[in-house]
Amino acid sequence: MQDAQLIELLSQISRKLHRRLAPLFESEGLSATEIVVLKAMHRRQTCRASELSERIGIPPSTLTGILDRLVTGGWLQRVPDPEDRRSILIRCAPKLSICVERLTARVETELQAMIGILPVENYSRLIDDLQRILDHLENDKGDCS
């Protein structure tokens, strides 16, 4: 019973957090899929489109159109691979770093307001428990982030 309740609570929190934060990202004129691509790229900075496609689970044919829009919008750049002149790399453009910094500050403000309702003495326990969950997810063979 507690497992089902925990799963439902995490699911509700995730959905509500997404709804609350979605307008921050939509204000940049980006679709949800474009945001996923930019998030993955921001972590890696540079990679091949095939690697990106595999990492985020978007078919290469779909990713090509998304990359075209993000390159046209100035978010990403296509650059020659210095190690293989036949290959093209995808790289973050400066616009992406500037936007991520701005959005991160806005997200942190939202999260601080949400966490601010908790008693301070619960912070350490919450952080420890969330870290354990994250560690488990990162060590899980099914991880595709």
Protein backbone atom coordinates (compact mmCIF):
# COMPACT_ATOMS: atom_id res chain seq x y z
CA MET A 1 0.00 0.00 0.00
CA GLN A 2 2.76 2.46 0.89
CA ASP A 3 4.59 1.69 -2.38
CA ALA A 4 1.52 2.62 -4.40
CA GLN A 5 1.03 5.79 -2.37
CA LEU A 6 4.68 6.80 -2.82
CA ILE A 7 4.53 6.16 -6.57
CA GLU A 8 1.34 8.18 -6.88
CA LEU A 9 2.78 11.08 -4.84
CA LEU A 10 5.97 11.18 -6.91
CA SER A 11 3.90 11.06 -10.09
CA GLN A 12 1.64 13.91 -8.94
CA ILE A 13 4.61 16.03 -7.84
CA SER A 14 6.33 15.42 -11.17
CA ARG A 15 3.24 16.42 -13.18
CA LYS A 16 2.55 19.51 -11.10
CA LEU A 17 6.19 20.58 -11.15
CA HIS A 18 6.24 20.15 -14.92
CA ARG A 19 3.06 22.26 -15.28
CA ARG A 20 4.48 24.97 -13.07
CA LEU A 21 7.85 25.11 -14.84
CA ALA A 22 6.68 24.51 -18.43
CA PRO A 23 5.80 28.18 -19.04
CA LEU A 24 9.37 29.16 -18.19
CA PHE A 25 10.64 27.04 -21.07
CA GLU A 26 7.75 27.77 -23.41
CA SER A 27 8.52 31.48 -23.03
CA GLU A 28 11.61 30.74 -25.13
CA GLY A 29 9.41 29.42 -27.94
CA LEU A 30 10.66 25.86 -27.56
CA SER A 31 8.67 22.65 -27.80
CA ALA A 32 8.96 19.96 -25.14
CA THR A 33 11.03 17.79 -27.48
CA GLU A 34 13.35 20.68 -28.31
CA ILE A 35 13.85 21.26 -24.59
CA VAL A 36 14.81 17.58 -24.13
CA VAL A 37 17.37 17.90 -26.94
CA LEU A 38 18.80 21.14 -25.56
CA LYS A 39 19.01 19.72 -22.05
CA ALA A 40 20.95 16.69 -23.31
CA MET A 41 23.20 18.90 -25.40
CA HIS A 42 23.87 21.29 -22.54
CA ARG A 43 25.18 18.36 -20.49
CA ARG A 44 27.44 17.11 -23.29
CA GLN A 45 28.27 20.37 -25.10
CA THR A 46 29.38 18.54 -28.29
CA CYS A 47 28.40 15.19 -29.81
CA ARG A 48 27.38 13.43 -33.00
CA ALA A 49 23.70 13.47 -33.93
CA SER A 50 23.66 9.65 -33.87
CA GLU A 51 24.93 9.65 -30.27
CA LEU A 52 22.35 12.24 -29.27
CA SER A 53 19.56 10.28 -30.97
CA GLU A 54 20.51 7.12 -29.09
CA ARG A 55 20.98 8.91 -25.78
CA ILE A 56 17.56 10.58 -25.71
CA GLY A 57 15.62 7.94 -27.64
CA ILE A 58 14.49 10.08 -30.56
CA PRO A 59 14.69 8.45 -34.01
CA PRO A 60 17.44 9.99 -36.20
CA SER A 61 14.91 11.06 -38.84
CA THR A 62 12.91 13.00 -36.21
CA LEU A 63 16.02 14.42 -34.60
CA THR A 64 17.26 15.84 -37.92
CA GLY A 65 14.25 18.16 -38.19
CA ILE A 66 14.56 19.20 -34.55
CA LEU A 67 18.27 19.95 -35.01
CA ASP A 68 17.51 21.98 -38.14
CA ARG A 69 15.11 24.18 -36.13
CA LEU A 70 17.52 24.53 -33.20
CA VAL A 71 20.43 25.42 -35.49
CA THR A 72 18.26 27.96 -37.35
CA GLY A 73 17.15 29.39 -33.98
CA GLY A 74 20.78 29.87 -32.90
CA TRP A 75 20.62 27.30 -30.07
CA LEU A 76 22.99 24.76 -31.60
CA GLN A 77 25.68 24.69 -34.27
CA ARG A 78 26.77 22.06 -36.77
CA VAL A 79 30.58 21.95 -36.97
CA PRO A 80 33.08 19.71 -38.79
CA ASP A 81 34.55 16.90 -36.69
CA PRO A 82 38.29 17.64 -36.38
CA GLU A 83 38.99 13.90 -36.07
CA ASP A 84 36.88 12.78 -39.06
CA ARG A 85 36.38 15.30 -41.86
CA ARG A 86 33.41 13.28 -43.19
CA SER A 87 31.53 13.73 -39.93
CA ILE A 88 29.59 16.65 -38.46
CA LEU A 89 29.31 17.39 -34.76
CA ILE A 90 26.50 19.18 -32.98
CA ARG A 91 27.71 21.85 -30.55
CA CYS A 92 25.97 24.18 -28.12
CA ALA A 93 25.82 27.79 -29.27
CA PRO A 94 26.45 30.62 -26.77
CA LYS A 95 22.71 31.43 -26.83
CA LEU A 96 22.00 28.09 -25.12
CA SER A 97 24.36 28.73 -22.19
CA ILE A 98 22.91 32.20 -21.62
CA CYS A 99 19.35 30.86 -21.72
CA VAL A 100 20.16 27.94 -19.40
CA GLU A 101 21.67 30.31 -16.84
CA ARG A 102 18.59 32.55 -16.95
CA LEU A 103 16.13 29.64 -16.78
CA THR A 104 18.11 27.90 -14.03
CA ALA A 105 17.83 31.00 -11.86
CA ARG A 106 14.05 31.12 -12.45
CA VAL A 107 13.65 27.39 -11.75
CA GLU A 108 15.71 27.68 -8.56
CA THR A 109 13.44 30.49 -7.37
CA GLU A 110 10.38 28.30 -8.02
CA LEU A 111 11.93 25.31 -6.26
CA GLN A 112 13.01 27.39 -3.27
CA ALA A 113 9.43 28.62 -2.87
CA MET A 114 8.15 25.04 -2.97
CA ILE A 115 10.75 23.66 -0.58
CA GLY A 116 10.30 26.68 1.68
CA ILE A 117 7.08 25.16 3.00
CA LEU A 118 9.06 22.32 4.63
CA PRO A 119 10.45 22.55 8.15
CA VAL A 120 14.20 23.25 8.01
CA GLU A 121 14.94 20.23 10.20
CA ASN A 122 13.59 17.96 7.41
CA TYR A 123 15.97 19.22 4.70
CA SER A 124 18.88 16.90 5.46
CA ARG A 125 16.67 13.82 5.52
CA LEU A 126 14.92 14.82 2.29
CA ILE A 127 18.24 15.47 0.54
CA ASP A 128 19.68 12.15 1.76
CA ASP A 129 16.60 10.21 0.66
CA LEU A 130 16.44 11.87 -2.75
CA GLN A 131 20.17 11.22 -3.25
CA ARG A 132 19.63 7.52 -2.48
CA ILE A 133 16.85 7.38 -5.07
CA LEU A 134 19.02 9.16 -7.65
CA ASP A 135 21.97 6.87 -6.94
CA HIS A 136 19.72 3.86 -7.46
CA LEU A 137 18.39 5.23 -10.74
CA GLU A 138 21.88 6.06 -11.99
CA ASN A 139 23.15 2.57 -11.16
CA ASP A 140 20.14 0.88 -12.74
CA LYS A 141 20.98 -0.90 -16.02
CA GLY A 142 17.88 0.61 -17.62
CA ASP A 143 19.22 4.18 -17.22
CA CYS A 144 19.18 6.06 -20.54
CA SER A 145 19.85 9.66 -19.46
